[in-house]
PDB file of N, CA and C in Angstrom:
ATOM      1  N   MET A   1     133.232 106.426  -7.984  1.00  0.00           N
ATOM      2  CA  MET A   1     131.923 106.578  -7.193  1.00  0.00           C
ATOM      3  C   MET A   1     132.355 105.961  -5.820  1.00  0.00           C
ATOM      4  N   SER A   2     131.794 106.698  -4.742  1.00  0.00           N
ATOM      5  CA  SER A   2     132.037 106.026  -3.434  1.00  0.00           C
ATOM      6  C   SER A   2     131.032 105.077  -3.081  1.00  0.00           C
ATOM      7  N   CYS A   3     131.464 104.174  -1.947  1.00  0.00           N
ATOM      8  CA  CYS A   3     130.573 102.977  -1.656  1.00  0.00           C
ATOM      9  C   CYS A   3     129.220 103.498  -1.313  1.00  0.00           C
ATOM     10  N   ARG A   4     129.030 104.631  -0.633  1.00  0.00           N
ATOM     11  CA  ARG A   4     127.838 105.203  -0.119  1.00  0.00           C
ATOM     12  C   ARG A   4     127.048 105.726  -1.457  1.00  0.00           C
ATOM     13  N   GLU A   5     127.662 106.207  -2.322  1.00  0.00           N
ATOM     14  CA  GLU A   5     126.986 106.628  -3.614  1.00  0.00           C
ATOM     15  C   GLU A   5     126.454 105.529  -4.305  1.00  0.00           C
ATOM     16  N   ASN A   6     127.282 104.377  -4.483  1.00  0.00           N
ATOM     17  CA  ASN A   6     126.736 103.139  -5.115  1.00  0.00           C
ATOM     18  C   ASN A   6     125.627 102.601  -4.398  1.00  0.00           C
ATOM     19  N   ASN A   7     125.625 102.648  -3.052  1.00  0.00           N
ATOM     20  CA  ASN A   7     124.538 102.057  -2.188  1.00  0.00           C
ATOM     21  C   ASN A   7     123.326 102.876  -2.189  1.00  0.00           C
ATOM     22  N   ALA A   8     123.498 104.077  -2.690  1.00  0.00           N
ATOM     23  CA  ALA A   8     122.156 104.860  -2.812  1.00  0.00           C
ATOM     24  C   ALA A   8     121.555 104.428  -4.108  1.00  0.00           C
ATOM     25  N   GLU A   9     122.349 104.313  -5.069  1.00  0.00           N
ATOM     26  CA  GLU A   9     121.689 103.707  -6.247  1.00  0.00           C
ATOM     27  C   GLU A   9     121.088 102.392  -6.385  1.00  0.00           C
ATOM     28  N   ILE A  10     121.880 101.535  -5.529  1.00  0.00           N
ATOM     29  CA  ILE A  10     121.177 100.164  -5.297  1.00  0.00           C
ATOM     30  C   ILE A  10     119.834 100.209  -4.399  1.00  0.00           C
ATOM     31  N   TYR A  11     119.968 101.116  -3.444  1.00  0.00           N
ATOM     32  CA  TYR A  11     118.783 101.435  -2.590  1.00  0.00           C
ATOM     33  C   TYR A  11     117.543 101.898  -3.277  1.00  0.00           C
ATOM     34  N   LEU A  12     117.758 102.797  -4.310  1.00  0.00           N
ATOM     35  CA  LEU A  12     116.638 103.343  -5.109  1.00  0.00           C
ATOM     36  C   LEU A  12     116.121 102.330  -5.973  1.00  0.00           C
ATOM     37  N   LYS A  13     116.945 101.599  -6.533  1.00  0.00           N
ATOM     38  CA  LYS A  13     116.482 100.415  -7.444  1.00  0.00           C
ATOM     39  C   LYS A  13     115.762  99.385  -6.765  1.00  0.00           C
ATOM     40  N   ARG A  14     116.226  99.026  -5.504  1.00  0.00           N
ATOM     41  CA  ARG A  14     115.313  98.118  -4.498  1.00  0.00           C
ATOM     42  C   ARG A  14     113.991  98.516  -4.463  1.00  0.00           C
ATOM     43  N   LEU A  15     113.770  99.905  -4.215  1.00  0.00           N
ATOM     44  CA  LEU A  15     112.497 100.448  -3.963  1.00  0.00           C
ATOM     45  C   LEU A  15     111.617 100.796  -5.145  1.00  0.00           C
ATOM     46  N   GLY A  16     112.324 100.679  -6.296  1.00  0.00           N
ATOM     47  CA  GLY A  16     111.632 100.948  -7.620  1.00  0.00           C
ATOM     48  C   GLY A  16     111.472 102.301  -7.898  1.00  0.00           C
ATOM     49  N   ILE A  17     112.416 103.135  -7.379  1.00  0.00           N
ATOM     50  CA  ILE A  17     112.315 104.613  -7.696  1.00  0.00           C
ATOM     51  C   ILE A  17     113.196 104.978  -8.901  1.00  0.00           C
ATOM     52  N   GLU A  18     112.705 105.730  -9.701  1.00  0.00           N
ATOM     53  CA  GLU A  18     113.339 106.128 -11.067  1.00  0.00           C
ATOM     54  C   GLU A  18     114.506 107.022 -10.727  1.00  0.00           C
ATOM     55  N   ALA A  19     115.656 106.471 -10.475  1.00  0.00           N
ATOM     56  CA  ALA A  19     117.013 107.314 -10.236  1.00  0.00           C
ATOM     57  C   ALA A  19     117.232 107.954 -11.432  1.00  0.00           C
ATOM     58  N   ASN A  20     117.649 109.338 -11.242  1.00  0.00           N
ATOM     59  CA  ASN A  20     117.938 110.229 -12.274  1.00  0.00           C
ATOM     60  C   ASN A  20     116.941 110.422 -13.490  1.00  0.00           C
ATOM     61  N   GLU A  21     115.984 109.606 -13.599  1.00  0.00           N
ATOM     62  CA  GLU A  21     114.937 109.685 -14.624  1.00  0.00           C
ATOM     63  C   GLU A  21     113.854 110.793 -14.263  1.00  0.00           C
ATOM     64  N   ARG A  22     113.435 110.570 -13.032  1.00  0.00           N
ATOM     65  CA  ARG A  22     112.283 111.306 -12.547  1.00  0.00           C
ATOM     66  C   ARG A  22     112.745 112.393 -11.268  1.00  0.00           C
ATOM     67  N   TYR A  23     113.572 111.659 -10.289  1.00  0.00           N
ATOM     68  CA  TYR A  23     114.087 112.442  -9.241  1.00  0.00           C
ATOM     69  C   TYR A  23     115.555 112.615  -9.081  1.00  0.00           C
ATOM     70  N   SER A  24     115.936 113.855  -8.719  1.00  0.00           N
ATOM     71  CA  SER A  24     117.327 114.082  -8.583  1.00  0.00           C
ATOM     72  C   SER A  24     117.655 114.172  -7.069  1.00  0.00           C
ATOM     73  N   GLN A  25     116.903 114.168  -6.196  1.00  0.00           N
ATOM     74  CA  GLN A  25     117.085 114.050  -4.745  1.00  0.00           C
ATOM     75  C   GLN A  25     116.011 113.384  -3.912  1.00  0.00           C
ATOM     76  N   TYR A  26     116.409 112.725  -3.022  1.00  0.00           N
ATOM     77  CA  TYR A  26     115.646 111.777  -2.205  1.00  0.00           C
ATOM     78  C   TYR A  26     115.776 112.060  -0.720  1.00  0.00           C
ATOM     79  N   VAL A  27     114.622 112.090   0.041  1.00  0.00           N
ATOM     80  CA  VAL A  27     114.707 112.242   1.380  1.00  0.00           C
ATOM     81  C   VAL A  27     114.159 111.017   2.146  1.00  0.00           C
ATOM     82  N   ILE A  28     115.055 110.532   3.102  1.00  0.00           N
ATOM     83  CA  ILE A  28     114.547 109.245   3.778  1.00  0.00           C
ATOM     84  C   ILE A  28     114.123 109.800   5.240  1.00  0.00           C
ATOM     85  N   VAL A  29     112.894 109.367   5.634  1.00  0.00           N
ATOM     86  CA  VAL A  29     112.383 109.967   6.986  1.00  0.00           C
ATOM     87  C   VAL A  29     112.011 108.850   7.777  1.00  0.00           C
ATOM     88  N   LEU A  30     112.704 108.876   9.007  1.00  0.00           N
ATOM     89  CA  LEU A  30     112.156 108.040  10.145  1.00  0.00           C
ATOM     90  C   LEU A  30     110.930 108.755  10.838  1.00  0.00           C
ATOM     91  N   ASP A  31     109.818 108.207  10.789  1.00  0.00           N
ATOM     92  CA  ASP A  31     108.667 108.945  11.326  1.00  0.00           C
ATOM     93  C   ASP A  31     108.558 108.761  12.867  1.00  0.00           C
ATOM     94  N   TYR A  32     109.453 109.421  13.443  1.00  0.00           N
ATOM     95  CA  TYR A  32     109.583 109.304  14.872  1.00  0.00           C
ATOM     96  C   TYR A  32     110.286 110.678  15.498  1.00  0.00           C
ATOM     97  N   GLY A  33     109.675 110.958  16.684  1.00  0.00           N
ATOM     98  CA  GLY A  33     110.409 112.199  17.377  1.00  0.00           C
ATOM     99  C   GLY A  33     109.210 113.385  17.373  1.00  0.00           C
ATOM    100  N   CYS A  34     109.955 114.621  17.288  1.00  0.00           N
ATOM    101  CA  CYS A  34     109.151 115.764  17.638  1.00  0.00           C
ATOM    102  C   CYS A  34     107.928 115.990  16.557  1.00  0.00           C
ATOM    103  N   HIS A  35     106.835 115.784  17.249  1.00  0.00           N
ATOM    104  CA  HIS A  35     105.580 115.843  16.313  1.00  0.00           C
ATOM    105  C   HIS A  35     105.372 117.286  15.777  1.00  0.00           C
ATOM    106  N   THR A  36     105.606 118.288  16.507  1.00  0.00           N
ATOM    107  CA  THR A  36     105.423 119.643  15.984  1.00  0.00           C
ATOM    108  C   THR A  36     106.344 119.719  14.814  1.00  0.00           C
ATOM    109  N   CYS A  37     107.644 119.534  14.810  1.00  0.00           N
ATOM    110  CA  CYS A  37     108.547 119.470  13.673  1.00  0.00           C
ATOM    111  C   CYS A  37     108.171 118.577  12.503  1.00  0.00           C
ATOM    112  N   LYS A  38     107.695 117.396  12.819  1.00  0.00           N
ATOM    113  CA  LYS A  38     107.363 116.516  11.831  1.00  0.00           C
ATOM    114  C   LYS A  38     105.932 117.044  11.069  1.00  0.00           C
ATOM    115  N   ASP A  39     105.110 117.555  11.782  1.00  0.00           N
ATOM    116  CA  ASP A  39     103.818 118.080  11.343  1.00  0.00           C
ATOM    117  C   ASP A  39     104.192 119.225  10.242  1.00  0.00           C
ATOM    118  N   ARG A  40     105.042 120.303  10.709  1.00  0.00           N
ATOM    119  CA  ARG A  40     105.506 121.293   9.777  1.00  0.00           C
ATOM    120  C   ARG A  40     106.064 120.795   8.682  1.00  0.00           C
ATOM    121  N   PHE A  41     106.947 119.817   8.735  1.00  0.00           N
ATOM    122  CA  PHE A  41     107.738 119.282   7.520  1.00  0.00           C
ATOM    123  C   PHE A  41     106.755 118.563   6.693  1.00  0.00           C
ATOM    124  N   TYR A  42     105.659 117.893   7.132  1.00  0.00           N
ATOM    125  CA  TYR A  42     104.829 117.089   6.326  1.00  0.00           C
ATOM    126  C   TYR A  42     103.844 118.190   5.688  1.00  0.00           C
ATOM    127  N   GLU A  43     103.670 119.299   6.293  1.00  0.00           N
ATOM    128  CA  GLU A  43     102.717 120.349   5.618  1.00  0.00           C
ATOM    129  C   GLU A  43     103.440 120.920   4.477  1.00  0.00           C
ATOM    130  N   TYR A  44     104.844 121.022   4.565  1.00  0.00           N
ATOM    131  CA  TYR A  44     105.684 121.604   3.535  1.00  0.00           C
ATOM    132  C   TYR A  44     105.605 120.461   2.348  1.00  0.00           C
ATOM    133  N   VAL A  45     105.703 119.345   2.722  1.00  0.00           N
ATOM    134  CA  VAL A  45     105.685 118.249   1.682  1.00  0.00           C
ATOM    135  C   VAL A  45     104.339 118.341   0.909  1.00  0.00           C
ATOM    136  N   ILE A  46     103.321 118.468   1.524  1.00  0.00           N
ATOM    137  CA  ILE A  46     102.029 118.561   0.969  1.00  0.00           C
ATOM    138  C   ILE A  46     101.820 119.780   0.005  1.00  0.00           C
ATOM    139  N   THR A  47     102.391 120.949   0.276  1.00  0.00           N
ATOM    140  CA  THR A  47     102.124 122.123  -0.265  1.00  0.00           C
ATOM    141  C   THR A  47     103.159 122.627  -1.299  1.00  0.00           C
ATOM    142  N   ASP A  48     104.438 122.391  -0.826  1.00  0.00           N
ATOM    143  CA  ASP A  48     105.441 122.954  -1.747  1.00  0.00           C
ATOM    144  C   ASP A  48     106.742 121.932  -2.029  1.00  0.00           C
ATOM    145  N   TRP A  49     106.376 120.812  -1.977  1.00  0.00           N
ATOM    146  CA  TRP A  49     107.438 119.702  -2.272  1.00  0.00           C
ATOM    147  C   TRP A  49     107.981 119.830  -3.654  1.00  0.00           C
ATOM    148  N   PRO A  50     109.384 119.893  -3.765  1.00  0.00           N
ATOM    149  CA  PRO A  50     109.877 119.965  -5.132  1.00  0.00           C
ATOM    150  C   PRO A  50     109.554 118.801  -6.088  1.00  0.00           C
ATOM    151  N   GLU A  51     109.249 118.940  -7.281  1.00  0.00           N
ATOM    152  CA  GLU A  51     108.836 117.861  -8.171  1.00  0.00           C
ATOM    153  C   GLU A  51     110.037 116.918  -8.433  1.00  0.00           C
ATOM    154  N   SER A  52     111.120 117.343  -8.267  1.00  0.00           N
ATOM    155  CA  SER A  52     112.315 116.578  -8.551  1.00  0.00           C
ATOM    156  C   SER A  52     112.850 115.776  -7.454  1.00  0.00           C
ATOM    157  N   SER A  53     112.034 115.574  -6.354  1.00  0.00           N
ATOM    158  CA  SER A  53     112.290 114.972  -5.041  1.00  0.00           C
ATOM    159  C   SER A  53     111.369 113.821  -4.724  1.00  0.00           C
ATOM    160  N   ALA A  54     111.964 112.847  -4.172  1.00  0.00           N
ATOM    161  CA  ALA A  54     111.161 111.701  -3.654  1.00  0.00           C
ATOM    162  C   ALA A  54     111.222 111.617  -2.087  1.00  0.00           C
ATOM    163  N   LEU A  55     110.097 111.153  -1.496  1.00  0.00           N
ATOM    164  CA  LEU A  55     110.160 111.118  -0.014  1.00  0.00           C
ATOM    165  C   LEU A  55     109.929 109.642   0.298  1.00  0.00           C
ATOM    166  N   VAL A  56     110.927 109.069   1.172  1.00  0.00           N
ATOM    167  CA  VAL A  56     110.944 107.711   1.472  1.00  0.00           C
ATOM    168  C   VAL A  56     110.663 107.474   2.928  1.00  0.00           C
ATOM    169  N   PHE A  57     109.628 106.814   3.375  1.00  0.00           N
ATOM    170  CA  PHE A  57     109.556 106.604   4.855  1.00  0.00           C
ATOM    171  C   PHE A  57     110.311 105.376   5.155  1.00  0.00           C
ATOM    172  N   LYS A  58     111.079 105.567   6.180  1.00  0.00           N
ATOM    173  CA  LYS A  58     112.009 104.436   6.701  1.00  0.00           C
ATOM    174  C   LYS A  58     111.172 103.689   7.670  1.00  0.00           C
ATOM    175  N   ARG A  59     111.018 102.433   7.517  1.00  0.00           N
ATOM    176  CA  ARG A  59     110.128 101.607   8.264  1.00  0.00           C
ATOM    177  C   ARG A  59     108.752 102.065   8.067  1.00  0.00           C
ATOM    178  N   ARG A  60     107.810 101.736   8.983  1.00  0.00           N
ATOM    179  CA  ARG A  60     106.424 102.134   8.793  1.00  0.00           C
ATOM    180  C   ARG A  60     106.215 103.403   9.328  1.00  0.00           C
ATOM    181  N   PRO A  61     105.258 104.289   8.615  1.00  0.00           N
ATOM    182  CA  PRO A  61     104.839 105.500   9.211  1.00  0.00           C
ATOM    183  C   PRO A  61     104.138 105.464  10.601  1.00  0.00           C
ATOM    184  N   ASP A  62     104.171 106.405  11.245  1.00  0.00           N
ATOM    185  CA  ASP A  62     103.522 106.425  12.651  1.00  0.00           C
ATOM    186  C   ASP A  62     102.119 106.590  12.416  1.00  0.00           C
ATOM    187  N   LYS A  63     101.254 106.016  13.222  1.00  0.00           N
ATOM    188  CA  LYS A  63      99.949 105.944  13.140  1.00  0.00           C
ATOM    189  C   LYS A  63      99.204 107.409  13.139  1.00  0.00           C
ATOM    190  N   ALA A  64      99.895 108.229  13.978  1.00  0.00           N
ATOM    191  CA  ALA A  64      99.434 109.750  13.998  1.00  0.00           C
ATOM    192  C   ALA A  64      99.631 110.393  12.497  1.00  0.00           C
ATOM    193  N   THR A  65     100.645 110.090  11.904  1.00  0.00           N
ATOM    194  CA  THR A  65     100.992 110.616  10.539  1.00  0.00           C
ATOM    195  C   THR A  65     100.005 110.007   9.610  1.00  0.00           C
ATOM    196  N   LEU A  66      99.800 108.762   9.629  1.00  0.00           N
ATOM    197  CA  LEU A  66      98.797 108.145   8.792  1.00  0.00           C
ATOM    198  C   LEU A  66      97.423 108.823   8.771  1.00  0.00           C
ATOM    199  N   LYS A  67      97.092 109.073  10.095  1.00  0.00           N
ATOM    200  CA  LYS A  67      95.585 109.679  10.345  1.00  0.00           C
ATOM    201  C   LYS A  67      95.748 111.230  10.190  1.00  0.00           C
ATOM    202  N   GLY A  68      96.723 111.836  10.499  1.00  0.00           N
ATOM    203  CA  GLY A  68      96.834 113.310  10.332  1.00  0.00           C
ATOM    204  C   GLY A  68      97.189 113.836   8.933  1.00  0.00           C
ATOM    205  N   PHE A  69      97.866 112.952   8.054  1.00  0.00           N
ATOM    206  CA  PHE A  69      98.119 113.389   6.758  1.00  0.00           C
ATOM    207  C   PHE A  69      98.079 112.336   5.865  1.00  0.00           C
ATOM    208  N   PRO A  70      96.778 111.732   5.672  1.00  0.00           N
ATOM    209  CA  PRO A  70      96.514 110.676   4.694  1.00  0.00           C
ATOM    210  C   PRO A  70      96.841 111.032   3.249  1.00  0.00           C
ATOM    211  N   GLU A  71      96.870 112.484   3.038  1.00  0.00           N
ATOM    212  CA  GLU A  71      96.967 112.704   1.632  1.00  0.00           C
ATOM    213  C   GLU A  71      98.485 112.579   1.136  1.00  0.00           C
ATOM    214  N   LEU A  72      99.331 112.469   2.186  1.00  0.00           N
ATOM    215  CA  LEU A  72     100.795 112.258   1.984  1.00  0.00           C
ATOM    216  C   LEU A  72     100.957 111.004   1.102  1.00  0.00           C
ATOM    217  N   PHE A  73     100.198 109.892   1.429  1.00  0.00           N
ATOM    218  CA  PHE A  73     100.394 108.599   0.875  1.00  0.00           C
ATOM    219  C   PHE A  73      99.709 108.444  -0.440  1.00  0.00           C
ATOM    220  N   GLU A  74      99.001 109.535  -0.887  1.00  0.00           N
ATOM    221  CA  GLU A  74      98.368 109.436  -2.101  1.00  0.00           C
ATOM    222  C   GLU A  74      99.254 110.162  -3.222  1.00  0.00           C
ATOM    223  N   ARG A  75     100.353 110.666  -2.765  1.00  0.00           N
ATOM    224  CA  ARG A  75     101.306 111.275  -3.717  1.00  0.00           C
ATOM    225  C   ARG A  75     102.089 110.346  -4.403  1.00  0.00           C
ATOM    226  N   GLY A  76     102.496 110.490  -5.688  1.00  0.00           N
ATOM    227  CA  GLY A  76     103.339 109.439  -6.376  1.00  0.00           C
ATOM    228  C   GLY A  76     104.697 109.558  -6.015  1.00  0.00           C
ATOM    229  N   PHE A  77     105.185 110.653  -5.273  1.00  0.00           N
ATOM    230  CA  PHE A  77     106.504 110.716  -4.983  1.00  0.00           C
ATOM    231  C   PHE A  77     106.905 110.175  -3.480  1.00  0.00           C
ATOM    232  N   VAL A  78     105.897 109.536  -2.870  1.00  0.00           N
ATOM    233  CA  VAL A  78     106.112 109.048  -1.565  1.00  0.00           C
ATOM    234  C   VAL A  78     106.207 107.495  -1.564  1.00  0.00           C
ATOM    235  N   PHE A  79     107.169 107.055  -0.998  1.00  0.00           N
ATOM    236  CA  PHE A  79     107.555 105.558  -0.948  1.00  0.00           C
ATOM    237  C   PHE A  79     107.663 105.187   0.445  1.00  0.00           C
ATOM    238  N   VAL A  80     107.490 103.884   0.762  1.00  0.00           N
ATOM    239  CA  VAL A  80     107.783 103.210   2.060  1.00  0.00           C
ATOM    240  C   VAL A  80     108.777 102.220   2.085  1.00  0.00           C
ATOM    241  N   ASP A  81     109.689 102.420   2.871  1.00  0.00           N
ATOM    242  CA  ASP A  81     110.853 101.275   2.859  1.00  0.00           C
ATOM    243  C   ASP A  81     110.628 100.542   4.319  1.00  0.00           C
ATOM    244  N   SER A  82     109.595  99.648   4.292  1.00  0.00           N
ATOM    245  CA  SER A  82     109.167  99.152   5.487  1.00  0.00           C
ATOM    246  C   SER A  82     110.271  98.089   6.043  1.00  0.00           C
ATOM    247  N   LEU A  83     111.287  97.687   5.268  1.00  0.00           N
ATOM    248  CA  LEU A  83     112.263  96.667   5.659  1.00  0.00           C
ATOM    249  C   LEU A  83     113.447  97.381   6.135  1.00  0.00           C
ATOM    250  N   ASP A  84     113.471  98.691   6.071  1.00  0.00           N
ATOM    251  CA  ASP A  84     114.663  99.435   6.518  1.00  0.00           C
ATOM    252  C   ASP A  84     115.792  99.171   5.739  1.00  0.00           C
ATOM    253  N   THR A  85     115.738  98.998   4.477  1.00  0.00           N
ATOM    254  CA  THR A  85     116.876  98.782   3.568  1.00  0.00           C
ATOM    255  C   THR A  85     117.939 100.041   3.701  1.00  0.00           C
ATOM    256  N   SER A  86     117.560 101.111   3.848  1.00  0.00           N
ATOM    257  CA  SER A  86     118.621 102.181   3.935  1.00  0.00           C
ATOM    258  C   SER A  86     119.499 101.817   5.110  1.00  0.00           C
ATOM    259  N   PHE A  87     119.215 101.372   6.146  1.00  0.00           N
ATOM    260  CA  PHE A  87     120.096 100.908   7.129  1.00  0.00           C
ATOM    261  C   PHE A  87     120.965  99.641   6.802  1.00  0.00           C
ATOM    262  N   GLU A  88     120.358  98.812   6.192  1.00  0.00           N
ATOM    263  CA  GLU A  88     121.078  97.707   5.646  1.00  0.00           C
ATOM    264  C   GLU A  88     122.186  97.939   4.839  1.00  0.00           C
ATOM    265  N   LEU A  89     121.918  99.001   3.949  1.00  0.00           N
ATOM    266  CA  LEU A  89     122.881  99.504   2.886  1.00  0.00           C
ATOM    267  C   LEU A  89     123.816 100.499   3.608  1.00  0.00           C
ATOM    268  N   GLY A  90     123.682 100.908   4.922  1.00  0.00           N
ATOM    269  CA  GLY A  90     124.667 101.871   5.423  1.00  0.00           C
ATOM    270  C   GLY A  90     124.249 103.375   5.141  1.00  0.00           C
ATOM    271  N   LEU A  91     123.185 103.678   4.610  1.00  0.00           N
ATOM    272  CA  LEU A  91     122.780 105.054   4.313  1.00  0.00           C
ATOM    273  C   LEU A  91     122.347 105.795   5.603  1.00  0.00           C
ATOM    274  N   THR A  92     121.733 104.981   6.355  1.00  0.00           N
ATOM    275  CA  THR A  92     121.289 105.678   7.595  1.00  0.00           C
ATOM    276  C   THR A  92     121.724 104.768   8.766  1.00  0.00           C
ATOM    277  N   ASP A  93     121.705 105.485   9.971  1.00  0.00           N
ATOM    278  CA  ASP A  93     121.741 104.551  11.150  1.00  0.00           C
ATOM    279  C   ASP A  93     120.569 104.110  11.558  1.00  0.00           C
ATOM    280  N   LYS A  94     120.403 103.377  12.621  1.00  0.00           N
ATOM    281  CA  LYS A  94     119.114 102.749  13.017  1.00  0.00           C
ATOM    282  C   LYS A  94     118.046 103.831  13.348  1.00  0.00           C
ATOM    283  N   ASN A  95     118.431 104.891  14.024  1.00  0.00           N
ATOM    284  CA  ASN A  95     117.524 105.850  14.317  1.00  0.00           C
ATOM    285  C   ASN A  95     117.891 107.286  13.684  1.00  0.00           C
ATOM    286  N   THR A  96     118.395 107.436  12.505  1.00  0.00           N
ATOM    287  CA  THR A  96     118.587 108.563  11.728  1.00  0.00           C
ATOM    288  C   THR A  96     117.131 109.098  11.308  1.00  0.00           C
ATOM    289  N   GLU A  97     116.928 110.357  11.819  1.00  0.00           N
ATOM    290  CA  GLU A  97     115.547 110.875  11.488  1.00  0.00           C
ATOM    291  C   GLU A  97     115.223 111.325  10.110  1.00  0.00           C
ATOM    292  N   MET A  98     116.225 112.008   9.474  1.00  0.00           N
ATOM    293  CA  MET A  98     116.177 112.585   8.084  1.00  0.00           C
ATOM    294  C   MET A  98     117.300 112.406   7.375  1.00  0.00           C
ATOM    295  N   THR A  99     117.394 111.874   6.141  1.00  0.00           N
ATOM    296  CA  THR A  99     118.546 111.788   5.283  1.00  0.00           C
ATOM    297  C   THR A  99     118.344 112.287   3.995  1.00  0.00           C
ATOM    298  N   LEU A 100     119.091 113.155   3.442  1.00  0.00           N
ATOM    299  CA  LEU A 100     119.043 113.719   1.997  1.00  0.00           C
ATOM    300  C   LEU A 100     120.095 113.120   1.242  1.00  0.00           C
ATOM    301  N   ILE A 101     119.768 112.615   0.017  1.00  0.00           N
ATOM    302  CA  ILE A 101     120.524 111.987  -0.935  1.00  0.00           C
ATOM    303  C   ILE A 101     120.480 112.908  -2.081  1.00  0.00           C
ATOM    304  N   LYS A 102     121.529 113.643  -2.244  1.00  0.00           N
ATOM    305  CA  LYS A 102     121.450 114.654  -3.500  1.00  0.00           C
ATOM    306  C   LYS A 102     122.765 114.586  -4.245  1.00  0.00           C
ATOM    307  N   LYS A 103     122.821 114.368  -5.367  1.00  0.00           N
ATOM    308  CA  LYS A 103     123.976 114.502  -6.257  1.00  0.00           C
ATOM    309  C   LYS A 103     124.914 113.585  -5.713  1.00  0.00           C
ATOM    310  N   GLY A 104     124.713 112.296  -5.243  1.00  0.00           N
ATOM    311  CA  GLY A 104     125.557 111.355  -4.712  1.00  0.00           C
ATOM    312  C   GLY A 104     125.903 111.638  -3.236  1.00  0.00           C
ATOM    313  N   LYS A 105     125.613 112.772  -2.682  1.00  0.00           N
ATOM    314  CA  LYS A 105     126.058 113.042  -1.236  1.00  0.00           C
ATOM    315  C   LYS A 105     124.841 112.712  -0.377  1.00  0.00           C
ATOM    316  N   VAL A 106     125.423 112.048   0.862  1.00  0.00           N
ATOM    317  CA  VAL A 106     124.281 111.578   1.931  1.00  0.00           C
ATOM    318  C   VAL A 106     124.509 112.661   3.064  1.00  0.00           C
ATOM    319  N   THR A 107     123.488 113.305   3.311  1.00  0.00           N
ATOM    320  CA  THR A 107     123.443 114.216   4.557  1.00  0.00           C
ATOM    321  C   THR A 107     122.444 113.793   5.642  1.00  0.00           C
ATOM    322  N   HIS A 108     122.830 113.770   6.744  1.00  0.00           N
ATOM    323  CA  HIS A 108     121.753 113.525   7.856  1.00  0.00           C
ATOM    324  C   HIS A 108     121.330 114.738   8.589  1.00  0.00           C
ATOM    325  N   TYR A 109     119.973 114.776   9.038  1.00  0.00           N
ATOM    326  CA  TYR A 109     119.428 115.873   9.655  1.00  0.00           C
ATOM    327  C   TYR A 109     118.441 115.189  10.888  1.00  0.00           C
ATOM    328  N   THR A 110     118.227 116.054  11.828  1.00  0.00           N
ATOM    329  CA  THR A 110     117.092 115.656  12.794  1.00  0.00           C
ATOM    330  C   THR A 110     115.893 116.360  12.474  1.00  0.00           C
ATOM    331  N   PHE A 111     114.755 116.071  13.002  1.00  0.00           N
ATOM    332  CA  PHE A 111     113.448 116.734  12.687  1.00  0.00           C
ATOM    333  C   PHE A 111     113.588 118.329  13.215  1.00  0.00           C
ATOM    334  N   LEU A 112     114.418 118.493  14.267  1.00  0.00           N
ATOM    335  CA  LEU A 112     114.504 119.810  14.691  1.00  0.00           C
ATOM    336  C   LEU A 112     115.304 120.728  13.575  1.00  0.00           C
ATOM    337  N   GLU A 113     116.084 120.151  12.676  1.00  0.00           N
ATOM    338  CA  GLU A 113     116.738 120.819  11.666  1.00  0.00           C
ATOM    339  C   GLU A 113     116.073 120.772  10.253  1.00  0.00           C
ATOM    340  N   TYR A 114     114.662 120.487  10.232  1.00  0.00           N
ATOM    341  CA  TYR A 114     113.805 120.429   9.176  1.00  0.00           C
ATOM    342  C   TYR A 114     113.952 121.548   8.250  1.00  0.00           C
ATOM    343  N   ILE A 115     114.103 122.766   8.883  1.00  0.00           N
ATOM    344  CA  ILE A 115     114.187 124.015   7.908  1.00  0.00           C
ATOM    345  C   ILE A 115     115.386 123.954   7.123  1.00  0.00           C
ATOM    346  N   ASN A 116     116.577 123.421   7.707  1.00  0.00           N
ATOM    347  CA  ASN A 116     117.943 123.382   6.919  1.00  0.00           C
ATOM    348  C   ASN A 116     117.622 122.436   5.810  1.00  0.00           C
ATOM    349  N   LEU A 117     116.955 121.219   6.086  1.00  0.00           N
ATOM    350  CA  LEU A 117     116.665 120.365   4.940  1.00  0.00           C
ATOM    351  C   LEU A 117     115.802 120.930   3.923  1.00  0.00           C
ATOM    352  N   ILE A 118     114.907 121.679   4.164  1.00  0.00           N
ATOM    353  CA  ILE A 118     113.997 122.265   3.183  1.00  0.00           C
ATOM    354  C   ILE A 118     114.896 123.251   2.312  1.00  0.00           C
ATOM    355  N   GLU A 119     115.684 124.058   2.958  1.00  0.00           N
ATOM    356  CA  GLU A 119     116.557 125.019   2.391  1.00  0.00           C
ATOM    357  C   GLU A 119     117.522 124.274   1.268  1.00  0.00           C
ATOM    358  N   GLU A 120     117.884 123.065   1.781  1.00  0.00           N
ATOM    359  CA  GLU A 120     118.814 122.370   0.910  1.00  0.00           C
ATOM    360  C   GLU A 120     118.080 121.761  -0.274  1.00  0.00           C
ATOM    361  N   LEU A 121     116.851 121.313  -0.103  1.00  0.00           N
ATOM    362  CA  LEU A 121     116.089 120.756  -1.081  1.00  0.00           C
ATOM    363  C   LEU A 121     115.687 121.855  -2.252  1.00  0.00           C
ATOM    364  N   GLU A 122     115.502 123.072  -1.787  1.00  0.00           N
ATOM    365  CA  GLU A 122     115.072 124.201  -2.572  1.00  0.00           C
ATOM    366  C   GLU A 122     116.422 124.672  -3.330  1.00  0.00           C
ATOM    367  N   ARG A 123     117.653 124.398  -3.018  1.00  0.00           N
ATOM    368  CA  ARG A 123     118.745 124.877  -3.551  1.00  0.00           C
ATOM    369  C   ARG A 123     118.910 123.988  -4.940  1.00  0.00           C
ATOM    370  N   ASN A 124     119.376 124.724  -5.979  1.00  0.00           N
ATOM    371  CA  ASN A 124     119.665 123.944  -7.176  1.00  0.00           C
ATOM    372  C   ASN A 124     121.001 123.437  -7.304  1.00  0.00           C
TER     373      ASN A 124
END
């Protein structure tokens, strides 16, 4: 197991996320940047999010997101990493916008690449 894979497991345990029991993939989001792309991504999360996926907000969500998508934070698969533990463990850089952890592999995306991330989420 690589150091990053081990850190992914440590990260999920720190946040209290049921690794491998409930979720098989995780997306860490820095709620910053292109509002149009973020809004489209969050609309996807609300309507078509895969049940086997968890969404983690890195740091605190933006006020516009809290106001525009309050239903996001009522979902059981949404978590907040307000201490930026993903950065501490080397899973993300300070300003990494989106990170997918799937089958132990860590992949980074920008919000402009949200469609690529969605395609990867929906692949088995």
